Amino acid sequence: MTMRVLTRPEKHTVNRSQLRQKQSATLRMAKGVNVVLISAAHEDDEKLLVDKKYFEELLRRLRSVLATLEITSDQKLFNQILGSIETLEENTRRGKLHSFEEAFGEE
């Protein structure tokens, strides 16, 4: 799922009465990147109904972003990483190291 799709869900709005009357149909609407906004008289009482896989993907991406921010905010560590990039790339080209894709099977 691309970041653009992930961050721009399609929203369907229902009120609480509609949710009670058509619960199965409303639950089916929350599939993939489709979210259901359950409206209320007060904004604080509104709820979102989301697909479990979509929610888990959001959490996975959020954790990844937080880890990246943590690394980049540690100036000493980040400078060490930047300083080692050329050496790592050269060793990978020479076959001394395995690429990330080879080691973890990801692209």
C-alpha atoms as a PDB file:
ATOM      1  CA  MET A   1       0.000   0.000   0.000  1.00  0.00           C
ATOM      2  CA  THR A   2       1.520   3.304  -1.037  1.00  0.00           C
ATOM      3  CA  MET A   3       1.922   6.132   1.430  1.00  0.00           C
ATOM      4  CA  ARG A   4      -0.385   8.337  -0.644  1.00  0.00           C
ATOM      5  CA  VAL A   5      -3.199   5.760  -0.539  1.00  0.00           C
ATOM      6  CA  LEU A   6      -2.543   5.023   3.110  1.00  0.00           C
ATOM      7  CA  THR A   7      -2.791   8.654   4.174  1.00  0.00           C
ATOM      8  CA  ARG A   8      -5.850   9.527   2.111  1.00  0.00           C
ATOM      9  CA  PRO A   9      -8.575   7.085   3.105  1.00  0.00           C
ATOM     10  CA  GLU A  10     -12.017   7.248   1.559  1.00  0.00           C
ATOM     11  CA  LYS A  11     -14.455   8.336   4.261  1.00  0.00           C
ATOM     12  CA  HIS A  12     -18.069   7.232   4.571  1.00  0.00           C
ATOM     13  CA  THR A  13     -20.230   8.960   7.161  1.00  0.00           C
ATOM     14  CA  VAL A  14     -23.093   7.326   9.029  1.00  0.00           C
ATOM     15  CA  ASN A  15     -24.942   8.407  12.123  1.00  0.00           C
ATOM     16  CA  ARG A  16     -25.504   6.181  15.132  1.00  0.00           C
ATOM     17  CA  SER A  17     -29.040   5.350  14.086  1.00  0.00           C
ATOM     18  CA  GLN A  18     -27.858   4.173  10.659  1.00  0.00           C
ATOM     19  CA  LEU A  19     -25.145   2.122  12.339  1.00  0.00           C
ATOM     20  CA  ARG A  20     -27.691   0.352  14.544  1.00  0.00           C
ATOM     21  CA  GLN A  21     -30.145  -0.249  11.683  1.00  0.00           C
ATOM     22  CA  LYS A  22     -27.560  -1.437   9.154  1.00  0.00           C
ATOM     23  CA  GLN A  23     -24.742  -2.740  11.313  1.00  0.00           C
ATOM     24  CA  SER A  24     -23.543  -5.500   8.951  1.00  0.00           C
ATOM     25  CA  ALA A  25     -23.547  -3.232   5.909  1.00  0.00           C
ATOM     26  CA  THR A  26     -21.763  -0.484   7.848  1.00  0.00           C
ATOM     27  CA  LEU A  27     -19.084  -2.871   9.069  1.00  0.00           C
ATOM     28  CA  ARG A  28     -18.517  -4.060   5.486  1.00  0.00           C
ATOM     29  CA  MET A  29     -17.936  -0.445   4.391  1.00  0.00           C
ATOM     30  CA  ALA A  30     -14.799  -0.320   6.581  1.00  0.00           C
ATOM     31  CA  LYS A  31     -12.649  -2.395   4.232  1.00  0.00           C
ATOM     32  CA  GLY A  32      -9.141  -1.610   3.038  1.00  0.00           C
ATOM     33  CA  VAL A  33      -8.556   2.138   3.070  1.00  0.00           C
ATOM     34  CA  ASN A  34     -12.257   2.902   3.439  1.00  0.00           C
ATOM     35  CA  VAL A  35     -13.080   4.264   6.878  1.00  0.00           C
ATOM     36  CA  VAL A  36     -16.490   4.887   8.383  1.00  0.00           C
ATOM     37  CA  LEU A  37     -17.045   8.044  10.388  1.00  0.00           C
ATOM     38  CA  ILE A  38     -19.786   7.516  12.957  1.00  0.00           C
ATOM     39  CA  SER A  39     -21.098  11.007  13.444  1.00  0.00           C
ATOM     40  CA  ALA A  40     -22.442  12.404  16.697  1.00  0.00           C
ATOM     41  CA  ALA A  41     -23.949  15.630  17.992  1.00  0.00           C
ATOM     42  CA  HIS A  42     -20.570  16.585  19.462  1.00  0.00           C
ATOM     43  CA  GLU A  43     -17.309  16.130  17.581  1.00  0.00           C
ATOM     44  CA  ASP A  44     -15.680  14.637  20.697  1.00  0.00           C
ATOM     45  CA  ASP A  45     -18.165  11.751  20.529  1.00  0.00           C
ATOM     46  CA  GLU A  46     -17.464  10.847  16.883  1.00  0.00           C
ATOM     47  CA  LYS A  47     -15.771   7.518  16.164  1.00  0.00           C
ATOM     48  CA  LEU A  48     -13.927   5.980  13.242  1.00  0.00           C
ATOM     49  CA  LEU A  49     -14.392   2.408  12.131  1.00  0.00           C
ATOM     50  CA  VAL A  50     -11.317   1.065  10.298  1.00  0.00           C
ATOM     51  CA  ASP A  51     -10.203  -2.194   8.733  1.00  0.00           C
ATOM     52  CA  LYS A  52      -7.776  -4.140  10.963  1.00  0.00           C
ATOM     53  CA  LYS A  53      -5.152  -4.582   8.212  1.00  0.00           C
ATOM     54  CA  TYR A  54      -5.315  -0.860   7.391  1.00  0.00           C
ATOM     55  CA  PHE A  55      -4.900   0.048  11.065  1.00  0.00           C
ATOM     56  CA  GLU A  56      -1.962  -2.345  11.493  1.00  0.00           C
ATOM     57  CA  GLU A  57      -0.276  -0.915   8.384  1.00  0.00           C
ATOM     58  CA  LEU A  58      -0.721   2.618   9.761  1.00  0.00           C
ATOM     59  CA  LEU A  59       0.890   1.548  13.037  1.00  0.00           C
ATOM     60  CA  ARG A  60       3.750  -0.206  11.224  1.00  0.00           C
ATOM     61  CA  ARG A  61       4.472   2.902   9.153  1.00  0.00           C
ATOM     62  CA  LEU A  62       4.223   5.165  12.189  1.00  0.00           C
ATOM     63  CA  ARG A  63       6.722   3.030  14.115  1.00  0.00           C
ATOM     64  CA  SER A  64       9.061   3.140  11.126  1.00  0.00           C
ATOM     65  CA  VAL A  65       8.853   6.928  10.906  1.00  0.00           C
ATOM     66  CA  LEU A  66       9.456   7.265  14.640  1.00  0.00           C
ATOM     67  CA  ALA A  67      12.530   5.007  14.436  1.00  0.00           C
ATOM     68  CA  THR A  68      13.877   7.088  11.543  1.00  0.00           C
ATOM     69  CA  LEU A  69      13.298  10.309  13.481  1.00  0.00           C
ATOM     70  CA  GLU A  70      15.041   8.865  16.515  1.00  0.00           C
ATOM     71  CA  ILE A  71      18.095   7.933  14.440  1.00  0.00           C
ATOM     72  CA  THR A  72      18.260  11.249  12.597  1.00  0.00           C
ATOM     73  CA  SER A  73      17.856  13.241  15.812  1.00  0.00           C
ATOM     74  CA  ASP A  74      20.928  11.528  17.307  1.00  0.00           C
ATOM     75  CA  GLN A  75      23.505  13.702  15.511  1.00  0.00           C
ATOM     76  CA  LYS A  76      26.503  11.549  16.451  1.00  0.00           C
ATOM     77  CA  LEU A  77      24.878   8.316  15.271  1.00  0.00           C
ATOM     78  CA  PHE A  78      23.513   9.901  12.104  1.00  0.00           C
ATOM     79  CA  ASN A  79      26.932  11.298  11.164  1.00  0.00           C
ATOM     80  CA  GLN A  80      28.474   7.850  11.703  1.00  0.00           C
ATOM     81  CA  ILE A  81      25.879   6.301   9.395  1.00  0.00           C
ATOM     82  CA  LEU A  82      26.451   8.935   6.719  1.00  0.00           C
ATOM     83  CA  GLY A  83      30.204   8.453   6.996  1.00  0.00           C
ATOM     84  CA  SER A  84      29.969   4.707   6.463  1.00  0.00           C
ATOM     85  CA  ILE A  85      27.699   4.739   3.394  1.00  0.00           C
ATOM     86  CA  GLU A  86      30.450   4.860   0.773  1.00  0.00           C
ATOM     87  CA  THR A  87      32.413   2.047   2.419  1.00  0.00           C
ATOM     88  CA  LEU A  88      29.312  -0.117   2.710  1.00  0.00           C
ATOM     89  CA  GLU A  89      28.288   0.470  -0.915  1.00  0.00           C
ATOM     90  CA  GLU A  90      31.812  -0.326  -2.147  1.00  0.00           C
ATOM     91  CA  ASN A  91      31.987  -3.523  -0.103  1.00  0.00           C
ATOM     92  CA  THR A  92      28.571  -4.556  -1.416  1.00  0.00           C
ATOM     93  CA  ARG A  93      29.687  -3.985  -5.043  1.00  0.00           C
ATOM     94  CA  ARG A  94      32.803  -6.082  -4.424  1.00  0.00           C
ATOM     95  CA  GLY A  95      30.662  -8.902  -3.034  1.00  0.00           C
ATOM     96  CA  LYS A  96      32.064  -8.590   0.469  1.00  0.00           C
ATOM     97  CA  LEU A  97      28.622  -7.799   1.887  1.00  0.00           C
ATOM     98  CA  HIS A  98      25.115  -8.822   1.007  1.00  0.00           C
ATOM     99  CA  SER A  99      22.565  -6.230  -0.022  1.00  0.00           C
ATOM    100  CA  PHE A 100      19.573  -5.544   2.205  1.00  0.00           C
ATOM    101  CA  GLU A 101      17.352  -7.324  -0.338  1.00  0.00           C
ATOM    102  CA  GLU A 102      19.579 -10.413  -0.307  1.00  0.00           C
ATOM    103  CA  ALA A 103      19.728 -10.527   3.468  1.00  0.00           C
ATOM    104  CA  PHE A 104      16.086  -9.829   4.221  1.00  0.00           C
ATOM    105  CA  GLY A 105      14.267 -10.641   0.973  1.00  0.00           C
ATOM    106  CA  GLU A 106      12.763  -7.169   0.714  1.00  0.00           C
ATOM    107  CA  GLU A 107      12.905  -4.654  -2.082  1.00  0.00           C
END
